[in-house]
């Protein structure tokens, strides 16, 4: 009797060419899914191809601000994932356009083809926040659940991993600067989460192993202040730098200037975000809406950071600490 081979499911990953996206695409490719990656510049998404088999991963052109391109991108999809986000506004890339309008556009497009939906938000999303980033993230969540009631929403803390924009940025700064700034004194709390763990949670949602209609908060095993994050990073790269507290009012002045740069190091909206702790809530822990609650053991900073921050040591991978 001839066995009928079933075509693998098609998963559409908006924002799949970014930092978190490439890890999500890798996790999905290992599971054998066909993957379509809508992005603004598919010609710059060639780094995704080696993550799967020949023809398994297909970048296509789309922009969440342009509804017609979103509708086209989801045709034939079995599941849709939205990872699209911006950290600062530039030109027409506004928080409201990407996080709110874009989230609703993706959700409505997924609903129109009967596909499941996984939406990536962020810890700190709050409709009452003064931060445009946090406020529009919350509005995006609301739009998603209004459109698809059984959508899965993840709120990760700061993601760390080989291509992250947090530890890499400060480690690179430490190569040239004798001091590192601690915005607001460095007391803001974070719960850094390994990007591979976030990708695993997303992949499980595609498999249908995660209950929909809920918001999950994803954090790592440790809660660290901003100062402690910098100390951990400096230990890994084996450099000594002064950690200088920067008062909020000074940070606002700096952000007013730095925010004018094409790729700003700091914006006034980011200063507002840093005023709030970025950690998993007690309610999420109690209700098992965390990585551990999903059966995923979160990786620690101490395990992962040395695997990619070694390049910021004075002698790179060849540097060895003296034996005590």
Protein backbone atom coordinates (compact mmCIF):
# COMPACT_ATOMS: atom_id res chain seq x y z
CA UNK A 1 0.00 0.00 0.00
CA UNK A 2 1.41 3.35 -1.06
CA UNK A 3 1.92 5.82 1.80
CA UNK A 4 0.55 9.31 1.16
CA UNK A 5 3.00 12.00 2.22
CA UNK A 6 1.40 15.01 3.88
CA UNK A 7 2.70 18.46 2.97
CA UNK A 8 4.29 20.13 6.00
CA UNK A 9 2.35 23.03 7.49
CA UNK A 10 3.16 26.55 6.31
CA UNK A 11 4.16 28.99 9.04
CA UNK A 12 4.40 32.69 8.18
CA UNK A 13 6.85 34.61 10.40
CA UNK A 14 6.56 38.39 10.23
CA UNK A 15 9.84 39.87 11.43
CA UNK A 16 11.61 36.56 10.96
CA UNK A 17 14.78 38.19 9.62
CA UNK A 18 15.51 39.99 12.91
CA UNK A 19 17.34 38.92 16.06
CA UNK A 20 14.54 36.92 17.68
CA UNK A 21 13.19 35.94 14.26
CA UNK A 22 16.23 33.97 13.13
CA UNK A 23 16.06 31.82 16.27
CA UNK A 24 12.32 31.26 15.79
CA UNK A 25 12.91 30.31 12.15
CA UNK A 26 15.64 27.86 13.21
CA UNK A 27 13.35 26.22 15.79
CA UNK A 28 10.56 25.87 13.23
CA UNK A 29 12.89 24.56 10.52
CA UNK A 30 14.11 21.80 12.85
CA UNK A 31 10.50 20.71 13.23
CA UNK A 32 10.11 20.41 9.47
CA UNK A 33 7.67 23.27 8.82
CA UNK A 34 7.63 25.24 5.60
CA UNK A 35 8.46 28.82 6.52
CA UNK A 36 7.60 32.07 4.78
CA UNK A 37 9.31 35.19 6.13
CA UNK A 38 7.66 38.51 5.16
CA UNK A 39 10.09 41.40 5.64
CA UNK A 40 10.69 44.85 4.18
CA UNK A 41 14.01 43.84 2.57
CA UNK A 42 13.96 40.16 1.57
CA UNK A 43 17.21 40.74 -0.33
CA UNK A 44 18.88 41.19 3.08
CA UNK A 45 17.43 37.98 4.57
CA UNK A 46 19.87 35.56 2.96
CA UNK A 47 21.23 34.60 6.40
CA UNK A 48 18.01 32.62 6.99
CA UNK A 49 18.53 30.14 4.15
CA UNK A 50 21.20 27.98 5.86
CA UNK A 51 18.86 27.47 8.84
CA UNK A 52 16.74 24.98 6.88
CA UNK A 53 16.75 22.65 3.90
CA UNK A 54 16.78 23.84 0.30
CA UNK A 55 13.52 25.69 -0.41
CA UNK A 56 12.22 25.29 3.15
CA UNK A 57 12.56 29.00 4.04
CA UNK A 58 11.19 31.65 1.70
CA UNK A 59 11.66 35.40 2.37
CA UNK A 60 9.01 37.60 0.71
CA UNK A 61 8.44 41.34 0.62
CA UNK A 62 5.85 42.79 3.01
CA UNK A 63 5.39 45.69 5.40
CA UNK A 64 2.95 45.56 8.34
CA UNK A 65 2.06 49.20 7.65
CA UNK A 66 0.72 48.18 4.21
CA UNK A 67 -2.32 45.99 4.70
CA UNK A 68 -2.41 44.60 1.15
CA UNK A 69 1.11 43.20 1.51
CA UNK A 70 0.16 41.52 4.81
CA UNK A 71 -2.89 39.88 3.22
CA UNK A 72 -0.77 38.60 0.35
CA UNK A 73 1.93 37.25 2.66
CA UNK A 74 -0.42 35.03 4.71
CA UNK A 75 -2.09 33.27 1.79
CA UNK A 76 -2.14 29.52 2.45
CA UNK A 77 -0.77 29.87 5.99
CA UNK A 78 -1.57 27.36 8.72
CA UNK A 79 -0.07 29.53 11.45
CA UNK A 80 1.11 33.14 11.63
CA UNK A 81 3.72 34.61 13.98
CA UNK A 82 4.18 38.35 14.49
CA UNK A 83 7.59 39.39 15.81
CA UNK A 84 7.67 42.87 14.29
CA UNK A 85 8.71 45.65 16.66
CA UNK A 86 10.80 48.83 16.70
CA UNK A 87 12.82 50.26 19.59
CA UNK A 88 12.68 53.85 18.36
CA UNK A 89 10.70 55.80 15.80
CA UNK A 90 12.12 56.85 12.44
CA UNK A 91 10.27 58.39 9.50
CA UNK A 92 7.01 56.51 8.95
CA UNK A 93 8.05 53.75 11.31
CA UNK A 94 6.03 54.96 14.28
CA UNK A 95 5.17 52.95 17.39
CA UNK A 96 1.44 53.25 16.67
CA UNK A 97 1.85 52.17 13.05
CA UNK A 98 3.99 49.09 13.81
CA UNK A 99 2.87 47.89 17.24
CA UNK A 100 -0.84 48.76 17.07
CA UNK A 101 -1.97 49.04 13.44
CA UNK A 102 0.52 46.39 12.31
CA UNK A 103 -0.54 43.93 15.01
CA UNK A 104 -4.21 44.31 14.06
CA UNK A 105 -3.40 43.98 10.36
CA UNK A 106 -1.52 40.70 10.92
CA UNK A 107 -4.27 39.35 13.20
CA UNK A 108 -7.05 40.19 10.75
CA UNK A 109 -5.09 38.67 7.88
CA UNK A 110 -4.51 35.48 9.88
CA UNK A 111 -8.21 35.29 10.75
CA UNK A 112 -9.18 35.71 7.10
CA UNK A 113 -7.27 32.53 6.13
CA UNK A 114 -8.23 30.58 9.26
CA UNK A 115 -4.66 30.45 10.59
CA UNK A 116 -3.56 30.31 14.21
CA UNK A 117 -1.68 33.30 15.62
CA UNK A 118 1.26 33.81 17.96
CA UNK A 119 2.05 37.42 18.86
CA UNK A 120 5.24 38.65 20.53
CA UNK A 121 4.77 41.65 22.80
CA UNK A 122 7.06 42.78 25.64
CA UNK A 123 7.19 42.82 29.42
CA UNK A 124 6.11 46.25 30.56
CA UNK A 125 3.33 46.58 27.98
CA UNK A 126 0.84 48.94 29.62
CA UNK A 127 -1.95 50.95 28.00
CA UNK A 128 -1.52 53.64 30.71
CA UNK A 129 2.26 53.98 30.33
CA UNK A 130 3.88 57.31 29.45
CA UNK A 131 6.21 55.38 27.16
CA UNK A 132 4.98 55.21 23.57
CA UNK A 133 6.66 51.82 23.15
CA UNK A 134 4.99 50.24 26.19
CA UNK A 135 1.61 51.85 25.46
CA UNK A 136 1.41 50.74 21.83
CA UNK A 137 2.59 47.24 22.74
CA UNK A 138 -0.44 46.97 25.04
CA UNK A 139 -2.73 48.32 22.33
CA UNK A 140 -1.34 45.71 19.95
CA UNK A 141 -2.16 42.94 22.43
CA UNK A 142 -5.70 44.27 22.75
CA UNK A 143 -6.11 44.34 18.97
CA UNK A 144 -4.86 40.76 18.66
CA UNK A 145 -7.20 39.31 21.29
CA UNK A 146 -10.16 41.25 19.91
CA UNK A 147 -9.47 39.72 16.48
CA UNK A 148 -8.45 36.16 17.42
CA UNK A 149 -9.60 35.20 20.90
CA UNK A 150 -7.42 32.09 21.12
CA UNK A 151 -4.20 33.80 19.99
CA UNK A 152 -1.08 33.14 22.06
CA UNK A 153 0.73 36.25 23.32
CA UNK A 154 4.26 36.20 24.74
CA UNK A 155 5.80 39.04 26.74
CA UNK A 156 9.56 38.45 26.96
CA UNK A 157 11.95 40.48 29.11
CA UNK A 158 15.23 41.65 27.54
CA UNK A 159 16.35 38.95 25.10
CA UNK A 160 19.98 37.94 25.17
CA UNK A 161 21.85 35.83 22.64
CA UNK A 162 24.59 36.00 19.98
CA UNK A 163 23.09 38.90 18.02
CA UNK A 164 21.42 40.82 20.87
CA UNK A 165 21.42 44.60 20.96
CA UNK A 166 21.87 44.90 24.73
CA UNK A 167 24.92 43.04 26.03
CA UNK A 168 26.71 43.33 22.69
CA UNK A 169 26.21 47.10 22.66
CA UNK A 170 27.59 47.68 26.14
CA UNK A 171 30.41 45.15 25.69
CA UNK A 172 31.48 46.97 22.54
CA UNK A 173 31.28 50.28 24.41
CA UNK A 174 33.52 48.83 27.11
CA UNK A 175 36.25 48.21 24.53
CA UNK A 176 36.79 51.97 24.08
CA UNK A 177 35.24 53.78 27.03
CA UNK A 178 36.70 53.78 30.57
CA UNK A 179 33.20 54.33 32.00
CA UNK A 180 29.74 52.83 31.46
CA UNK A 181 26.58 54.81 32.31
CA UNK A 182 23.99 53.53 34.75
CA UNK A 183 20.75 55.26 33.76
CA UNK A 184 18.81 56.32 36.85
CA UNK A 185 21.49 54.83 39.08
CA UNK A 186 21.27 51.34 37.56
CA UNK A 187 18.59 50.10 39.96
CA UNK A 188 15.99 49.11 37.34
CA UNK A 189 15.37 45.37 37.51
CA UNK A 190 15.49 43.05 34.51
CA UNK A 191 14.95 39.33 34.00
CA UNK A 192 17.05 38.62 30.87
CA UNK A 193 15.71 35.69 28.87
CA UNK A 194 17.70 33.59 26.41
CA UNK A 195 16.39 34.08 22.89
CA UNK A 196 16.56 30.33 22.23
CA UNK A 197 14.09 29.75 25.07
CA UNK A 198 11.71 32.32 23.60
CA UNK A 199 12.00 30.62 20.20
CA UNK A 200 11.22 27.25 21.78
CA UNK A 201 8.07 28.67 23.38
CA UNK A 202 6.97 30.13 20.05
CA UNK A 203 7.57 26.82 18.26
CA UNK A 204 5.51 24.97 20.86
CA UNK A 205 2.65 27.40 20.32
CA UNK A 206 2.71 26.52 16.62
CA UNK A 207 2.53 22.85 17.58
CA UNK A 208 -0.62 23.60 19.59
CA UNK A 209 1.00 22.70 22.91
CA UNK A 210 0.24 26.06 24.53
CA UNK A 211 -3.21 27.22 25.58
CA UNK A 212 -4.45 30.19 23.56
CA UNK A 213 -6.23 33.31 24.70
CA UNK A 214 -3.62 33.97 27.38
CA UNK A 215 -0.64 36.29 27.86
CA UNK A 216 2.57 34.54 28.91
CA UNK A 217 5.48 36.36 30.57
CA UNK A 218 8.92 35.05 29.66
CA UNK A 219 11.89 35.76 31.89
CA UNK A 220 15.16 34.06 32.72
CA UNK A 221 16.03 32.31 35.98
CA UNK A 222 17.54 35.43 37.61
CA UNK A 223 16.35 38.97 38.37
CA UNK A 224 19.21 41.45 38.02
CA UNK A 225 19.48 45.21 38.30
CA UNK A 226 20.93 47.18 35.41
CA UNK A 227 24.14 47.52 37.44
CA UNK A 228 24.34 43.76 38.00
CA UNK A 229 23.83 43.13 34.26
CA UNK A 230 26.80 45.41 33.51
CA UNK A 231 28.93 43.71 36.19
CA UNK A 232 28.09 40.28 34.76
CA UNK A 233 29.00 41.44 31.26
CA UNK A 234 32.31 42.98 32.42
CA UNK A 235 33.21 39.76 34.22
CA UNK A 236 32.65 37.74 31.04
CA UNK A 237 34.75 40.06 28.83
CA UNK A 238 37.39 40.37 31.60
CA UNK A 239 37.50 44.17 31.63
CA UNK A 240 37.34 46.67 34.48
CA UNK A 241 35.31 49.80 33.87
CA UNK A 242 33.84 52.48 36.09
CA UNK A 243 30.07 52.26 36.43
CA UNK A 244 28.82 55.83 36.72
CA UNK A 245 25.24 56.53 37.90
CA UNK A 246 23.39 58.96 35.62
CA UNK A 247 20.44 60.82 37.26
CA UNK A 248 17.13 60.69 35.42
CA UNK A 249 17.21 64.39 34.52
CA UNK A 250 20.69 64.06 33.02
CA UNK A 251 19.60 60.96 31.08
CA UNK A 252 16.69 62.94 29.66
CA UNK A 253 19.03 65.69 28.49
CA UNK A 254 21.36 63.15 26.89
CA UNK A 255 18.44 61.38 25.23
CA UNK A 256 17.22 64.69 23.78
CA UNK A 257 20.49 64.93 21.86
CA UNK A 258 21.23 61.26 21.18
CA UNK A 259 17.65 60.71 20.02
CA UNK A 260 18.34 62.90 16.99
CA UNK A 261 20.88 60.42 15.59
CA UNK A 262 19.83 57.99 12.80
CA UNK A 263 20.46 55.02 15.10
CA UNK A 264 20.22 56.59 18.56
CA UNK A 265 22.04 55.12 21.54
CA UNK A 266 19.32 56.46 23.83
CA UNK A 267 15.90 58.08 23.37
CA UNK A 268 13.58 59.86 25.79
CA UNK A 269 11.06 57.04 25.39
CA UNK A 270 13.71 54.51 26.42
CA UNK A 271 14.46 56.57 29.52
CA UNK A 272 10.76 56.35 30.40
CA UNK A 273 10.88 52.57 29.94
CA UNK A 274 13.91 52.30 32.22
CA UNK A 275 11.93 53.85 35.07
CA UNK A 276 9.87 50.66 35.30
CA UNK A 277 11.09 47.21 36.32
CA UNK A 278 11.08 44.61 33.55
CA UNK A 279 10.35 41.37 35.40
CA UNK A 280 7.78 38.59 35.41
CA UNK A 281 4.80 39.32 37.67
CA UNK A 282 3.75 37.23 40.65
CA UNK A 283 0.38 36.61 38.95
CA UNK A 284 2.08 35.05 35.93
CA UNK A 285 4.19 32.79 38.17
CA UNK A 286 1.15 31.74 40.20
CA UNK A 287 -0.87 30.96 37.05
CA UNK A 288 2.00 29.10 35.30
CA UNK A 289 2.18 31.69 32.53
CA UNK A 290 5.98 31.54 32.47
CA UNK A 291 8.71 29.50 30.76
CA UNK A 292 8.83 27.09 33.69
CA UNK A 293 5.05 26.83 33.60
CA UNK A 294 5.36 25.81 29.94
CA UNK A 295 7.88 23.11 30.81
CA UNK A 296 10.88 25.04 29.48
CA UNK A 297 13.91 25.33 31.77
CA UNK A 298 15.28 28.86 31.17
CA UNK A 299 18.99 29.22 30.43
CA UNK A 300 21.09 31.47 32.67
CA UNK A 301 23.26 34.42 31.67
CA UNK A 302 26.34 32.69 33.07
CA UNK A 303 25.82 29.77 30.71
CA UNK A 304 25.20 31.70 27.49
CA UNK A 305 27.08 35.05 27.68
CA UNK A 306 30.60 33.53 27.47
CA UNK A 307 29.63 31.73 24.26
CA UNK A 308 29.41 34.98 22.31
CA UNK A 309 30.86 37.88 24.34
CA UNK A 310 34.39 36.39 24.26
CA UNK A 311 35.11 38.48 21.18
CA UNK A 312 35.10 41.63 23.33
CA UNK A 313 37.97 40.42 25.50
CA UNK A 314 41.33 42.08 24.92
CA UNK A 315 42.71 38.92 23.26
CA UNK A 316 39.39 37.46 22.14
CA UNK A 317 38.99 33.71 22.40
CA UNK A 318 42.67 33.27 23.25
CA UNK A 319 42.47 35.24 26.49
CA UNK A 320 42.83 33.11 29.59
CA UNK A 321 42.35 34.20 33.17
CA UNK A 322 45.41 33.62 35.40
CA UNK A 323 45.17 30.75 37.83
CA UNK A 324 44.63 32.04 41.38
